[in-house]
Amino acid sequence: MKMWTVAAALLFVSAVGFAQTDQTAAPTARKSCDDLKAEISKKLDAKGVVNYTLDAVDKGKEGDGKVVGTCDGGTKSLVYSRGAAPASKPAPDTKK
């Protein structure tokens, strides 16, 4: 009977020690929005995706796009939108 009690106690202690070790693992490093944007762009380009935009916006202000990641410690969301980026207007010609 003592043998079973000792075996159970050893098993319990090792399981508790394993759980504590697992919980104290180092947290993942903060990923910058530029780094995450580059990684996702690379994957999309490799799949042949064209005419898309990836924008880093504040969390909760994602709009109509699809959230494809979070960055800056979870404070910003990376939003994917289909279609070309809005074209910027050409500068007016001031030469006469």
PDB file of N, CA and C in Angstrom:
ATOM      1  N   MET A   1       0.818  -1.184   0.000  1.00  0.00           N
ATOM      2  CA  MET A   1       0.000   0.000   0.000  1.00  0.00           C
ATOM      3  C   MET A   1       0.871   1.260   0.000  1.00  0.00           C
ATOM      4  N   LYS A   2       1.979   1.220   0.773  1.00  0.00           N
ATOM      5  CA  LYS A   2       2.867   2.362   0.810  1.00  0.00           C
ATOM      6  C   LYS A   2       3.482   2.621  -0.566  1.00  0.00           C
ATOM      7  N   MET A   3       3.757   1.544  -1.281  1.00  0.00           N
ATOM      8  CA  MET A   3       4.398   1.667  -2.590  1.00  0.00           C
ATOM      9  C   MET A   3       3.492   2.454  -3.547  1.00  0.00           C
ATOM     10  N   TRP A   4       2.196   2.180  -3.544  1.00  0.00           N
ATOM     11  CA  TRP A   4       1.250   2.888  -4.414  1.00  0.00           C
ATOM     12  C   TRP A   4       1.142   4.358  -4.009  1.00  0.00           C
ATOM     13  N   THR A   5       1.147   4.636  -2.745  1.00  0.00           N
ATOM     14  CA  THR A   5       1.063   6.009  -2.264  1.00  0.00           C
ATOM     15  C   THR A   5       2.295   6.796  -2.687  1.00  0.00           C
ATOM     16  N   VAL A   6       3.468   6.197  -2.538  1.00  0.00           N
ATOM     17  CA  VAL A   6       4.712   6.861  -2.931  1.00  0.00           C
ATOM     18  C   VAL A   6       4.729   7.086  -4.447  1.00  0.00           C
ATOM     19  N   ALA A   7       4.309   6.088  -5.202  1.00  0.00           N
ATOM     20  CA  ALA A   7       4.286   6.212  -6.662  1.00  0.00           C
ATOM     21  C   ALA A   7       3.318   7.319  -7.091  1.00  0.00           C
ATOM     22  N   ALA A   8       2.147   7.378  -6.474  1.00  0.00           N
ATOM     23  CA  ALA A   8       1.169   8.413  -6.799  1.00  0.00           C
ATOM     24  C   ALA A   8       1.701   9.799  -6.432  1.00  0.00           C
ATOM     25  N   ALA A   9       2.365   9.910  -5.287  1.00  0.00           N
ATOM     26  CA  ALA A   9       2.921  11.189  -4.865  1.00  0.00           C
ATOM     27  C   ALA A   9       4.003  11.660  -5.840  1.00  0.00           C
ATOM     28  N   LEU A  10       4.869  10.755  -6.280  1.00  0.00           N
ATOM     29  CA  LEU A  10       5.917  11.107  -7.229  1.00  0.00           C
ATOM     30  C   LEU A  10       5.325  11.542  -8.573  1.00  0.00           C
ATOM     31  N   LEU A  11       4.307  10.846  -9.001  1.00  0.00           N
ATOM     32  CA  LEU A  11       3.649  11.187 -10.255  1.00  0.00           C
ATOM     33  C   LEU A  11       3.008  12.575 -10.161  1.00  0.00           C
ATOM     34  N   PHE A  12       2.359  12.848  -9.048  1.00  0.00           N
ATOM     35  CA  PHE A  12       1.713  14.144  -8.833  1.00  0.00           C
ATOM     36  C   PHE A  12       2.738  15.268  -8.807  1.00  0.00           C
ATOM     37  N   VAL A  13       3.830  15.082  -8.093  1.00  0.00           N
ATOM     38  CA  VAL A  13       4.864  16.105  -7.986  1.00  0.00           C
ATOM     39  C   VAL A  13       5.491  16.386  -9.349  1.00  0.00           C
ATOM     40  N   SER A  14       5.757  15.349 -10.124  1.00  0.00           N
ATOM     41  CA  SER A  14       6.362  15.570 -11.440  1.00  0.00           C
ATOM     42  C   SER A  14       5.387  16.268 -12.381  1.00  0.00           C
ATOM     43  N   ALA A  15       4.092  15.967 -12.283  1.00  0.00           N
ATOM     44  CA  ALA A  15       3.095  16.623 -13.132  1.00  0.00           C
ATOM     45  C   ALA A  15       2.964  18.097 -12.771  1.00  0.00           C
ATOM     46  N   VAL A  16       2.987  18.418 -11.497  1.00  0.00           N
ATOM     47  CA  VAL A  16       2.903  19.810 -11.057  1.00  0.00           C
ATOM     48  C   VAL A  16       4.152  20.569 -11.498  1.00  0.00           C
ATOM     49  N   GLY A  17       5.294  19.964 -11.386  1.00  0.00           N
ATOM     50  CA  GLY A  17       6.537  20.601 -11.821  1.00  0.00           C
ATOM     51  C   GLY A  17       6.534  20.862 -13.317  1.00  0.00           C
ATOM     52  N   PHE A  18       6.022  19.928 -14.103  1.00  0.00           N
ATOM     53  CA  PHE A  18       5.935  20.107 -15.548  1.00  0.00           C
ATOM     54  C   PHE A  18       4.992  21.247 -15.890  1.00  0.00           C
ATOM     55  N   ALA A  19       3.859  21.331 -15.219  1.00  0.00           N
ATOM     56  CA  ALA A  19       2.897  22.395 -15.484  1.00  0.00           C
ATOM     57  C   ALA A  19       3.481  23.763 -15.151  1.00  0.00           C
ATOM     58  N   GLN A  20       4.232  23.869 -14.071  1.00  0.00           N
ATOM     59  CA  GLN A  20       4.831  25.143 -13.708  1.00  0.00           C
ATOM     60  C   GLN A  20       5.904  25.548 -14.706  1.00  0.00           C
ATOM     61  N   THR A  21       6.678  24.613 -15.179  1.00  0.00           N
ATOM     62  CA  THR A  21       7.715  24.910 -16.153  1.00  0.00           C
ATOM     63  C   THR A  21       7.083  25.405 -17.436  1.00  0.00           C
ATOM     64  N   ASP A  22       6.000  24.797 -17.865  1.00  0.00           N
ATOM     65  CA  ASP A  22       5.337  25.165 -19.096  1.00  0.00           C
ATOM     66  C   ASP A  22       4.764  26.578 -19.011  1.00  0.00           C
ATOM     67  N   GLN A  23       4.227  26.965 -17.875  1.00  0.00           N
ATOM     68  CA  GLN A  23       3.610  28.269 -17.724  1.00  0.00           C
ATOM     69  C   GLN A  23       4.632  29.387 -17.615  1.00  0.00           C
ATOM     70  N   THR A  24       5.825  29.080 -17.218  1.00  0.00           N
ATOM     71  CA  THR A  24       6.835  30.117 -17.053  1.00  0.00           C
ATOM     72  C   THR A  24       7.692  30.274 -18.294  1.00  0.00           C
ATOM     73  N   ALA A  25       7.282  29.681 -19.399  1.00  0.00           N
ATOM     74  CA  ALA A  25       8.042  29.826 -20.632  1.00  0.00           C
ATOM     75  C   ALA A  25       8.053  31.290 -21.056  1.00  0.00           C
ATOM     76  N   ALA A  26       9.109  31.674 -21.742  1.00  0.00           N
ATOM     77  CA  ALA A  26       9.258  33.066 -22.157  1.00  0.00           C
ATOM     78  C   ALA A  26       8.149  33.438 -23.128  1.00  0.00           C
ATOM     79  N   PRO A  27       7.541  34.614 -22.964  1.00  0.00           N
ATOM     80  CA  PRO A  27       6.496  35.037 -23.882  1.00  0.00           C
ATOM     81  C   PRO A  27       7.091  35.355 -25.243  1.00  0.00           C
ATOM     82  N   THR A  28       6.242  35.304 -26.265  1.00  0.00           N
ATOM     83  CA  THR A  28       6.731  35.598 -27.599  1.00  0.00           C
ATOM     84  C   THR A  28       7.085  37.071 -27.700  1.00  0.00           C
ATOM     85  N   ALA A  29       8.065  37.341 -28.494  1.00  0.00           N
ATOM     86  CA  ALA A  29       8.534  38.712 -28.645  1.00  0.00           C
ATOM     87  C   ALA A  29       7.502  39.534 -29.411  1.00  0.00           C
ATOM     88  N   ARG A  30       7.475  40.830 -29.128  1.00  0.00           N
ATOM     89  CA  ARG A  30       6.595  41.736 -29.860  1.00  0.00           C
ATOM     90  C   ARG A  30       7.074  41.807 -31.295  1.00  0.00           C
ATOM     91  N   LYS A  31       6.152  41.676 -32.208  1.00  0.00           N
ATOM     92  CA  LYS A  31       6.500  41.765 -33.621  1.00  0.00           C
ATOM     93  C   LYS A  31       6.060  43.133 -34.127  1.00  0.00           C
ATOM     94  N   SER A  32       6.961  43.811 -34.809  1.00  0.00           N
ATOM     95  CA  SER A  32       6.608  45.125 -35.346  1.00  0.00           C
ATOM     96  C   SER A  32       5.659  44.946 -36.525  1.00  0.00           C
ATOM     97  N   CYS A  33       4.861  45.961 -36.774  1.00  0.00           N
ATOM     98  CA  CYS A  33       3.890  45.893 -37.865  1.00  0.00           C
ATOM     99  C   CYS A  33       4.583  45.789 -39.217  1.00  0.00           C
ATOM    100  N   ASP A  34       5.725  46.454 -39.371  1.00  0.00           N
ATOM    101  CA  ASP A  34       6.452  46.390 -40.639  1.00  0.00           C
ATOM    102  C   ASP A  34       6.973  44.984 -40.913  1.00  0.00           C
ATOM    103  N   ASP A  35       7.478  44.310 -39.876  1.00  0.00           N
ATOM    104  CA  ASP A  35       7.978  42.950 -40.045  1.00  0.00           C
ATOM    105  C   ASP A  35       6.848  41.992 -40.413  1.00  0.00           C
ATOM    106  N   LEU A  36       5.722  42.096 -39.703  1.00  0.00           N
ATOM    107  CA  LEU A  36       4.584  41.216 -39.983  1.00  0.00           C
ATOM    108  C   LEU A  36       4.022  41.487 -41.364  1.00  0.00           C
ATOM    109  N   LYS A  37       3.952  42.744 -41.736  1.00  0.00           N
ATOM    110  CA  LYS A  37       3.440  43.122 -43.055  1.00  0.00           C
ATOM    111  C   LYS A  37       4.327  42.526 -44.150  1.00  0.00           C
ATOM    112  N   ALA A  38       5.642  42.573 -43.952  1.00  0.00           N
ATOM    113  CA  ALA A  38       6.580  42.004 -44.925  1.00  0.00           C
ATOM    114  C   ALA A  38       6.405  40.495 -45.045  1.00  0.00           C
ATOM    115  N   GLU A  39       6.222  39.805 -43.913  1.00  0.00           N
ATOM    116  CA  GLU A  39       6.031  38.352 -43.939  1.00  0.00           C
ATOM    117  C   GLU A  39       4.762  37.973 -44.687  1.00  0.00           C
ATOM    118  N   ILE A  40       3.670  38.660 -44.390  1.00  0.00           N
ATOM    119  CA  ILE A  40       2.397  38.326 -45.023  1.00  0.00           C
ATOM    120  C   ILE A  40       2.427  38.690 -46.503  1.00  0.00           C
ATOM    121  N   SER A  41       3.037  39.818 -46.850  1.00  0.00           N
ATOM    122  CA  SER A  41       3.161  40.208 -48.256  1.00  0.00           C
ATOM    123  C   SER A  41       3.942  39.161 -49.042  1.00  0.00           C
ATOM    124  N   LYS A  42       4.998  38.655 -48.430  1.00  0.00           N
ATOM    125  CA  LYS A  42       5.818  37.628 -49.089  1.00  0.00           C
ATOM    126  C   LYS A  42       4.990  36.379 -49.373  1.00  0.00           C
ATOM    127  N   LYS A  43       4.173  35.972 -48.400  1.00  0.00           N
ATOM    128  CA  LYS A  43       3.326  34.786 -48.584  1.00  0.00           C
ATOM    129  C   LYS A  43       2.266  35.017 -49.657  1.00  0.00           C
ATOM    130  N   LEU A  44       1.663  36.201 -49.655  1.00  0.00           N
ATOM    131  CA  LEU A  44       0.642  36.503 -50.654  1.00  0.00           C
ATOM    132  C   LEU A  44       1.242  36.568 -52.054  1.00  0.00           C
ATOM    133  N   ASP A  45       2.408  37.192 -52.163  1.00  0.00           N
ATOM    134  CA  ASP A  45       3.078  37.279 -53.456  1.00  0.00           C
ATOM    135  C   ASP A  45       3.458  35.897 -53.974  1.00  0.00           C
ATOM    136  N   ALA A  46       3.886  35.013 -53.080  1.00  0.00           N
ATOM    137  CA  ALA A  46       4.267  33.656 -53.479  1.00  0.00           C
ATOM    138  C   ALA A  46       3.054  32.878 -54.004  1.00  0.00           C
ATOM    139  N   LYS A  47       1.865  33.220 -53.514  1.00  0.00           N
ATOM    140  CA  LYS A  47       0.638  32.554 -53.980  1.00  0.00           C
ATOM    141  C   LYS A  47       0.067  33.221 -55.225  1.00  0.00           C
ATOM    142  N   GLY A  48       0.694  34.290 -55.674  1.00  0.00           N
ATOM    143  CA  GLY A  48       0.244  34.962 -56.885  1.00  0.00           C
ATOM    144  C   GLY A  48      -0.878  35.965 -56.664  1.00  0.00           C
ATOM    145  N   VAL A  49      -1.086  36.385 -55.440  1.00  0.00           N
ATOM    146  CA  VAL A  49      -2.135  37.357 -55.148  1.00  0.00           C
ATOM    147  C   VAL A  49      -1.667  38.739 -55.606  1.00  0.00           C
ATOM    148  N   VAL A  50      -2.543  39.452 -56.320  1.00  0.00           N
ATOM    149  CA  VAL A  50      -2.225  40.803 -56.782  1.00  0.00           C
ATOM    150  C   VAL A  50      -3.358  41.739 -56.368  1.00  0.00           C
ATOM    151  N   ASN A  51      -3.090  43.015 -56.445  1.00  0.00           N
ATOM    152  CA  ASN A  51      -4.084  44.049 -56.129  1.00  0.00           C
ATOM    153  C   ASN A  51      -4.662  43.893 -54.731  1.00  0.00           C
ATOM    154  N   TYR A  52      -3.817  44.004 -53.741  1.00  0.00           N
ATOM    155  CA  TYR A  52      -4.256  43.953 -52.349  1.00  0.00           C
ATOM    156  C   TYR A  52      -3.535  45.031 -51.559  1.00  0.00           C
ATOM    157  N   THR A  53      -4.092  45.345 -50.407  1.00  0.00           N
ATOM    158  CA  THR A  53      -3.420  46.266 -49.496  1.00  0.00           C
ATOM    159  C   THR A  53      -3.383  45.651 -48.110  1.00  0.00           C
ATOM    160  N   LEU A  54      -2.334  45.922 -47.390  1.00  0.00           N
ATOM    161  CA  LEU A  54      -2.188  45.531 -45.993  1.00  0.00           C
ATOM    162  C   LEU A  54      -1.961  46.809 -45.201  1.00  0.00           C
ATOM    163  N   ASP A  55      -2.841  47.069 -44.254  1.00  0.00           N
ATOM    164  CA  ASP A  55      -2.742  48.284 -43.464  1.00  0.00           C
ATOM    165  C   ASP A  55      -2.718  47.954 -41.980  1.00  0.00           C
ATOM    166  N   ALA A  56      -1.847  48.628 -41.252  1.00  0.00           N
ATOM    167  CA  ALA A  56      -1.808  48.503 -39.791  1.00  0.00           C
ATOM    168  C   ALA A  56      -2.717  49.586 -39.219  1.00  0.00           C
ATOM    169  N   VAL A  57      -3.763  49.143 -38.495  1.00  0.00           N
ATOM    170  CA  VAL A  57      -4.715  50.078 -37.894  1.00  0.00           C
ATOM    171  C   VAL A  57      -4.851  49.772 -36.414  1.00  0.00           C
ATOM    172  N   ASP A  58      -5.343  50.747 -35.671  1.00  0.00           N
ATOM    173  CA  ASP A  58      -5.567  50.535 -34.244  1.00  0.00           C
ATOM    174  C   ASP A  58      -6.583  49.430 -34.028  1.00  0.00           C
ATOM    175  N   LYS A  59      -6.380  48.658 -32.972  1.00  0.00           N
ATOM    176  CA  LYS A  59      -7.275  47.556 -32.644  1.00  0.00           C
ATOM    177  C   LYS A  59      -8.684  48.113 -32.426  1.00  0.00           C
ATOM    178  N   GLY A  60      -9.676  47.473 -33.046  1.00  0.00           N
ATOM    179  CA  GLY A  60     -11.063  47.895 -32.922  1.00  0.00           C
ATOM    180  C   GLY A  60     -11.507  48.826 -34.032  1.00  0.00           C
ATOM    181  N   LYS A  61     -10.589  49.250 -34.901  1.00  0.00           N
ATOM    182  CA  LYS A  61     -10.934  50.159 -35.997  1.00  0.00           C
ATOM    183  C   LYS A  61     -10.591  49.524 -37.338  1.00  0.00           C
ATOM    184  N   GLU A  62     -10.911  48.240 -37.471  1.00  0.00           N
ATOM    185  CA  GLU A  62     -10.514  47.482 -38.640  1.00  0.00           C
ATOM    186  C   GLU A  62     -11.328  47.815 -39.889  1.00  0.00           C
ATOM    187  N   GLY A  63     -12.571  48.228 -39.755  1.00  0.00           N
ATOM    188  CA  GLY A  63     -13.395  48.551 -40.915  1.00  0.00           C
ATOM    189  C   GLY A  63     -13.861  47.297 -41.634  1.00  0.00           C
ATOM    190  N   ASP A  64     -13.900  47.375 -42.961  1.00  0.00           N
ATOM    191  CA  ASP A  64     -14.440  46.276 -43.773  1.00  0.00           C
ATOM    192  C   ASP A  64     -13.415  45.217 -44.134  1.00  0.00           C
ATOM    193  N   GLY A  65     -12.140  45.476 -43.933  1.00  0.00           N
ATOM    194  CA  GLY A  65     -11.110  44.520 -44.308  1.00  0.00           C
ATOM    195  C   GLY A  65     -11.067  43.317 -43.383  1.00  0.00           C
ATOM    196  N   LYS A  66     -10.293  42.333 -43.803  1.00  0.00           N
ATOM    197  CA  LYS A  66     -10.129  41.098 -43.018  1.00  0.00           C
ATOM    198  C   LYS A  66      -8.863  41.209 -42.170  1.00  0.00           C
ATOM    199  N   VAL A  67      -8.993  40.973 -40.885  1.00  0.00           N
ATOM    200  CA  VAL A  67      -7.841  41.014 -39.989  1.00  0.00           C
ATOM    201  C   VAL A  67      -7.012  39.755 -40.221  1.00  0.00           C
ATOM    202  N   VAL A  68      -5.741  39.940 -40.592  1.00  0.00           N
ATOM    203  CA  VAL A  68      -4.860  38.808 -40.879  1.00  0.00           C
ATOM    204  C   VAL A  68      -3.725  38.687 -39.877  1.00  0.00           C
ATOM    205  N   GLY A  69      -3.684  39.570 -38.874  1.00  0.00           N
ATOM    206  CA  GLY A  69      -2.656  39.478 -37.853  1.00  0.00           C
ATOM    207  C   GLY A  69      -2.731  40.649 -36.900  1.00  0.00           C
ATOM    208  N   THR A  70      -2.003  40.507 -35.796  1.00  0.00           N
ATOM    209  CA  THR A  70      -1.882  41.599 -34.842  1.00  0.00           C
ATOM    210  C   THR A  70      -0.406  41.885 -34.630  1.00  0.00           C
ATOM    211  N   CYS A  71      -0.108  43.133 -34.313  1.00  0.00           N
ATOM    212  CA  CYS A  71       1.283  43.515 -34.144  1.00  0.00           C
ATOM    213  C   CYS A  71       1.394  44.565 -33.051  1.00  0.00           C
ATOM    214  N   ASP A  72       2.609  44.951 -32.761  1.00  0.00           N
ATOM    215  CA  ASP A  72       2.909  45.912 -31.692  1.00  0.00           C
ATOM    216  C   ASP A  72       2.281  45.504 -30.373  1.00  0.00           C
ATOM    217  N   GLY A  73       2.454  44.252 -30.014  1.00  0.00           N
ATOM    218  CA  GLY A  73       1.971  43.746 -28.734  1.00  0.00           C
ATOM    219  C   GLY A  73       0.461  43.643 -28.644  1.00  0.00           C
ATOM    220  N   GLY A  74      -0.209  43.498 -29.782  1.00  0.00           N
ATOM    221  CA  GLY A  74      -1.664  43.357 -29.783  1.00  0.00           C
ATOM    222  C   GLY A  74      -2.407  44.675 -29.794  1.00  0.00           C
ATOM    223  N   THR A  75      -1.700  45.796 -29.953  1.00  0.00           N
ATOM    224  CA  THR A  75      -2.364  47.097 -29.963  1.00  0.00           C
ATOM    225  C   THR A  75      -2.853  47.484 -31.350  1.00  0.00           C
ATOM    226  N   LYS A  76      -2.319  46.836 -32.385  1.00  0.00           N
ATOM    227  CA  LYS A  76      -2.715  47.143 -33.757  1.00  0.00           C
ATOM    228  C   LYS A  76      -3.100  45.863 -34.483  1.00  0.00           C
ATOM    229  N   SER A  77      -3.937  46.012 -35.498  1.00  0.00           N
ATOM    230  CA  SER A  77      -4.351  44.900 -36.340  1.00  0.00           C
ATOM    231  C   SER A  77      -3.848  45.140 -37.751  1.00  0.00           C
ATOM    232  N   LEU A  78      -3.461  44.057 -38.416  1.00  0.00           N
ATOM    233  CA  LEU A  78      -3.059  44.138 -39.810  1.00  0.00           C
ATOM    234  C   LEU A  78      -4.268  43.719 -40.639  1.00  0.00           C
ATOM    235  N   VAL A  79      -4.742  44.621 -41.492  1.00  0.00           N
ATOM    236  CA  VAL A  79      -5.980  44.413 -42.239  1.00  0.00           C
ATOM    237  C   VAL A  79      -5.665  44.220 -43.711  1.00  0.00           C
ATOM    238  N   TYR A  80      -6.241  43.156 -44.289  1.00  0.00           N
ATOM    239  CA  TYR A  80      -6.090  42.826 -45.704  1.00  0.00           C
ATOM    240  C   TYR A  80      -7.335  43.284 -46.440  1.00  0.00           C
ATOM    241  N   SER A  81      -7.120  44.002 -47.539  1.00  0.00           N
ATOM    242  CA  SER A  81      -8.234  44.429 -48.382  1.00  0.00           C
ATOM    243  C   SER A  81      -7.921  44.056 -49.822  1.00  0.00           C
ATOM    244  N   ARG A  82      -8.921  43.569 -50.527  1.00  0.00           N
ATOM    245  CA  ARG A  82      -8.738  43.233 -51.933  1.00  0.00           C
ATOM    246  C   ARG A  82      -8.903  44.477 -52.776  1.00  0.00           C
ATOM    247  N   GLY A  83      -8.242  44.486 -53.890  1.00  0.00           N
ATOM    248  CA  GLY A  83      -8.307  45.628 -54.786  1.00  0.00           C
ATOM    249  C   GLY A  83      -7.065  46.470 -54.648  1.00  0.00           C
ATOM    250  N   ALA A  84      -6.853  47.307 -55.620  1.00  0.00           N
ATOM    251  CA  ALA A  84      -5.655  48.149 -55.641  1.00  0.00           C
ATOM    252  C   ALA A  84      -5.751  49.221 -54.577  1.00  0.00           C
ATOM    253  N   ALA A  85      -4.610  49.682 -54.176  1.00  0.00           N
ATOM    254  CA  ALA A  85      -4.553  50.785 -53.220  1.00  0.00           C
ATOM    255  C   ALA A  85      -5.102  52.031 -53.896  1.00  0.00           C
ATOM    256  N   PRO A  86      -5.735  52.904 -53.134  1.00  0.00           N
ATOM    257  CA  PRO A  86      -6.261  54.115 -53.744  1.00  0.00           C
ATOM    258  C   PRO A  86      -5.140  54.897 -54.423  1.00  0.00           C
ATOM    259  N   ALA A  87      -5.389  55.269 -55.661  1.00  0.00           N
ATOM    260  CA  ALA A  87      -4.365  55.983 -56.415  1.00  0.00           C
ATOM    261  C   ALA A  87      -4.238  57.398 -55.889  1.00  0.00           C
ATOM    262  N   SER A  88      -3.009  57.821 -55.736  1.00  0.00           N
ATOM    263  CA  SER A  88      -2.802  59.189 -55.278  1.00  0.00           C
ATOM    264  C   SER A  88      -2.954  60.128 -56.468  1.00  0.00           C
ATOM    265  N   LYS A  89      -3.458  61.312 -56.220  1.00  0.00           N
ATOM    266  CA  LYS A  89      -3.651  62.284 -57.286  1.00  0.00           C
ATOM    267  C   LYS A  89      -2.300  62.830 -57.710  1.00  0.00           C
ATOM    268  N   PRO A  90      -2.101  63.004 -59.017  1.00  0.00           N
ATOM    269  CA  PRO A  90      -0.832  63.582 -59.454  1.00  0.00           C
ATOM    270  C   PRO A  90      -0.764  65.044 -59.010  1.00  0.00           C
ATOM    271  N   ALA A  91       0.432  65.485 -58.781  1.00  0.00           N
ATOM    272  CA  ALA A  91       0.636  66.876 -58.368  1.00  0.00           C
ATOM    273  C   ALA A  91       0.267  67.797 -59.519  1.00  0.00           C
ATOM    274  N   PRO A  92      -0.418  68.893 -59.215  1.00  0.00           N
ATOM    275  CA  PRO A  92      -0.790  69.813 -60.297  1.00  0.00           C
ATOM    276  C   PRO A  92       0.451  70.436 -60.942  1.00  0.00           C
ATOM    277  N   ASP A  93       0.362  70.640 -62.219  1.00  0.00           N
ATOM    278  CA  ASP A  93       1.487  71.212 -62.961  1.00  0.00           C
ATOM    279  C   ASP A  93       1.500  72.712 -62.723  1.00  0.00           C
ATOM    280  N   THR A  94       2.514  73.194 -62.027  1.00  0.00           N
ATOM    281  CA  THR A  94       2.607  74.613 -61.710  1.00  0.00           C
ATOM    282  C   THR A  94       3.464  75.367 -62.697  1.00  0.00           C
ATOM    283  N   LYS A  95       4.115  74.657 -63.600  1.00  0.00           N
ATOM    284  CA  LYS A  95       4.962  75.320 -64.606  1.00  0.00           C
ATOM    285  C   LYS A  95       4.069  75.840 -65.731  1.00  0.00           C
ATOM    286  N   LYS A  96       4.406  77.016 -66.217  1.00  0.00           N
ATOM    287  CA  LYS A  96       3.649  77.605 -67.333  1.00  0.00           C
ATOM    288  C   LYS A  96       4.569  78.052 -68.411  1.00  0.00           C
TER     289      LYS A  96
END
